[in-house]
């Protein structure tokens, strides 16, 4: 299998968060790779990765980082591929990472999800992939329908909760 999505994290300490993206991609049967790269410690490796990702068949990059969180933006500056940034809560409740990733200069966009929201990053990557793949699009439609079914069931369960002044 050739990966079409690359999950990059600043260090393996980000793995507990980034596994959520991996689980989504795995569920949708989208081949992916996972690597640890550091914009500060291994800038030459990051550059080589970013400049060669497209030629290796990568279509979407999910990049996670905490604190200064330069990794997603550095990658985005070196490729035309869509980059999804995942701010990691490593300090300051993750606000430092969120602001670092979301405040990119004009011309260097990074689609950014919420703090530690790797699951949404995986879904967004699948949605991007689905623009050219009907099988992934169908899987996404089923997934989103299952979310709707969970709410319908939750309301049925809530209807069984009784209080003297509850009217529904």
Protein backbone atom coordinates (compact mmCIF):
# COMPACT_ATOMS: atom_id res chain seq x y z
CA UNK A 1 0.00 0.00 0.00
CA UNK A 2 1.12 3.52 -0.74
CA UNK A 3 0.10 6.12 1.85
CA UNK A 4 -2.13 8.95 0.68
CA UNK A 5 -2.27 10.76 4.03
CA UNK A 6 0.71 11.58 6.20
CA UNK A 7 0.30 12.10 9.94
CA UNK A 8 3.23 14.07 11.30
CA UNK A 9 3.79 14.93 14.93
CA UNK A 10 6.44 16.98 16.66
CA UNK A 11 7.29 14.08 18.97
CA UNK A 12 5.93 10.71 19.98
CA UNK A 13 4.46 12.33 23.10
CA UNK A 14 1.74 13.54 20.68
CA UNK A 15 0.80 9.97 19.76
CA UNK A 16 -2.07 9.56 22.26
CA UNK A 17 -3.81 12.50 20.57
CA UNK A 18 -2.84 11.64 17.00
CA UNK A 19 -4.03 8.04 17.28
CA UNK A 20 -7.55 9.47 16.93
CA UNK A 21 -6.76 10.64 13.39
CA UNK A 22 -5.16 7.27 12.62
CA UNK A 23 -8.26 5.42 13.83
CA UNK A 24 -10.51 7.48 11.55
CA UNK A 25 -8.28 6.95 8.51
CA UNK A 26 -8.09 3.26 9.33
CA UNK A 27 -11.89 3.07 9.64
CA UNK A 28 -12.28 4.65 6.19
CA UNK A 29 -9.55 2.35 4.81
CA UNK A 30 -7.35 5.26 3.73
CA UNK A 31 -3.65 4.24 3.68
CA UNK A 32 -1.56 6.53 5.85
CA UNK A 33 1.85 6.88 7.41
CA UNK A 34 2.89 8.28 10.79
CA UNK A 35 6.19 9.99 11.52
CA UNK A 36 7.73 12.23 14.15
CA UNK A 37 9.47 15.29 12.69
CA UNK A 38 10.56 18.46 14.41
CA UNK A 39 10.58 21.87 12.79
CA UNK A 40 13.21 22.92 15.33
CA UNK A 41 15.32 19.80 15.86
CA UNK A 42 15.28 18.27 12.35
CA UNK A 43 14.47 21.13 9.95
CA UNK A 44 16.37 19.51 7.08
CA UNK A 45 14.31 16.30 7.45
CA UNK A 46 11.08 18.33 7.57
CA UNK A 47 12.10 20.14 4.39
CA UNK A 48 12.90 16.89 2.58
CA UNK A 49 9.58 15.38 3.73
CA UNK A 50 7.50 18.41 2.67
CA UNK A 51 9.16 18.84 -0.71
CA UNK A 52 8.85 15.13 -1.58
CA UNK A 53 5.43 14.29 -0.11
CA UNK A 54 3.46 14.95 -3.28
CA UNK A 55 5.79 12.92 -5.49
CA UNK A 56 5.44 10.02 -3.03
CA UNK A 57 1.65 10.02 -3.52
CA UNK A 58 0.66 11.91 -0.38
CA UNK A 59 -2.53 13.93 -0.93
CA UNK A 60 -3.15 15.38 2.55
CA UNK A 61 -0.84 16.08 5.49
CA UNK A 62 -2.03 16.18 9.09
CA UNK A 63 0.61 17.91 11.22
CA UNK A 64 0.44 18.20 14.99
CA UNK A 65 2.51 20.32 17.30
CA UNK A 66 2.36 21.87 20.73
CA UNK A 67 3.74 25.03 22.30
CA UNK A 68 5.39 27.15 19.55
CA UNK A 69 3.76 24.75 17.04
CA UNK A 70 5.71 25.70 13.93
CA UNK A 71 5.59 22.27 12.28
CA UNK A 72 2.28 22.59 10.34
CA UNK A 73 3.16 26.03 8.99
CA UNK A 74 6.71 25.09 8.06
CA UNK A 75 5.39 22.08 6.14
CA UNK A 76 2.69 24.20 4.47
CA UNK A 77 5.32 26.70 3.35
CA UNK A 78 7.13 23.97 1.38
CA UNK A 79 4.27 22.12 -0.35
CA UNK A 80 1.10 22.76 -2.32
CA UNK A 81 -0.64 19.86 -0.55
CA UNK A 82 -3.40 20.66 1.94
CA UNK A 83 -2.06 20.71 5.50
CA UNK A 84 -4.34 20.20 8.49
CA UNK A 85 -2.90 21.48 11.75
CA UNK A 86 -3.67 19.88 15.11
CA UNK A 87 -2.71 22.07 18.05
CA UNK A 88 -1.54 19.93 20.97
CA UNK A 89 -2.23 20.87 24.57
CA UNK A 90 1.36 20.84 25.82
CA UNK A 91 1.28 24.15 27.70
CA UNK A 92 -1.04 27.13 28.26
CA UNK A 93 -4.04 24.79 27.74
CA UNK A 94 -2.99 24.47 24.09
CA UNK A 95 -3.84 28.10 23.28
CA UNK A 96 -0.23 28.85 22.34
CA UNK A 97 -0.25 26.03 19.79
CA UNK A 98 -3.70 26.96 18.47
CA UNK A 99 -2.71 30.57 17.86
CA UNK A 100 0.66 29.59 16.36
CA UNK A 101 -1.01 27.28 13.84
CA UNK A 102 -4.05 29.37 12.97
CA UNK A 103 -2.19 32.69 12.51
CA UNK A 104 -0.39 31.88 9.28
CA UNK A 105 0.77 34.62 6.92
CA UNK A 106 -1.11 35.22 3.66
CA UNK A 107 -0.38 32.54 1.08
CA UNK A 108 0.52 29.81 3.59
CA UNK A 109 -2.83 28.40 4.77
CA UNK A 110 -3.10 25.63 7.34
CA UNK A 111 -6.58 24.23 7.94
CA UNK A 112 -6.69 24.08 11.73
CA UNK A 113 -8.90 21.96 13.97
CA UNK A 114 -9.48 22.44 17.68
CA UNK A 115 -6.96 21.73 20.41
CA UNK A 116 -6.26 17.97 20.53
CA UNK A 117 -9.01 17.44 17.90
CA UNK A 118 -7.14 14.84 15.86
CA UNK A 119 -10.37 12.95 15.18
CA UNK A 120 -11.69 15.98 13.28
CA UNK A 121 -8.38 16.22 11.43
CA UNK A 122 -8.82 12.62 10.29
CA UNK A 123 -12.38 13.31 9.19
CA UNK A 124 -11.31 16.46 7.33
CA UNK A 125 -8.54 14.54 5.58
CA UNK A 126 -11.10 11.90 4.57
CA UNK A 127 -13.43 14.62 3.28
CA UNK A 128 -10.63 16.06 1.17
CA UNK A 129 -9.83 12.60 -0.18
CA UNK A 130 -13.54 12.00 -0.86
CA UNK A 131 -13.65 14.81 -3.41
CA UNK A 132 -11.99 12.39 -5.81
CA UNK A 133 -13.06 9.03 -4.38
CA UNK A 134 -16.70 7.95 -4.29
CA UNK A 135 -16.00 4.98 -2.01
CA UNK A 136 -14.57 7.25 0.69
CA UNK A 137 -17.49 9.66 0.12
CA UNK A 138 -19.97 6.83 0.76
CA UNK A 139 -18.13 5.79 3.92
CA UNK A 140 -18.21 9.40 5.14
CA UNK A 141 -21.94 9.62 4.46
CA UNK A 142 -22.48 6.46 6.51
CA UNK A 143 -20.30 7.81 9.31
CA UNK A 144 -22.18 11.11 9.44
CA UNK A 145 -25.50 9.24 9.38
CA UNK A 146 -24.34 7.19 12.38
CA UNK A 147 -23.71 10.46 14.25
CA UNK A 148 -27.29 11.49 13.54
CA UNK A 149 -28.56 8.10 14.76
CA UNK A 150 -26.69 8.58 18.06
CA UNK A 151 -28.58 11.83 18.69
CA UNK A 152 -31.93 10.26 17.80
CA UNK A 153 -31.19 7.45 20.27
CA UNK A 154 -30.05 9.95 22.91
CA UNK A 155 -33.38 11.79 22.65
CA UNK A 156 -35.29 8.51 23.00
CA UNK A 157 -33.25 7.73 26.11
CA UNK A 158 -33.85 11.23 27.49
CA UNK A 159 -37.60 10.78 26.98
CA UNK A 160 -37.39 7.98 29.57
CA UNK A 161 -35.83 10.27 32.18
CA UNK A 162 -38.59 11.33 34.57
CA UNK A 163 -38.83 14.43 36.73
CA UNK A 164 -41.92 15.94 38.30
CA UNK A 165 -41.68 19.12 36.21
CA UNK A 166 -40.14 17.65 33.02
CA UNK A 167 -42.68 18.06 30.24
CA UNK A 168 -41.17 15.95 27.44
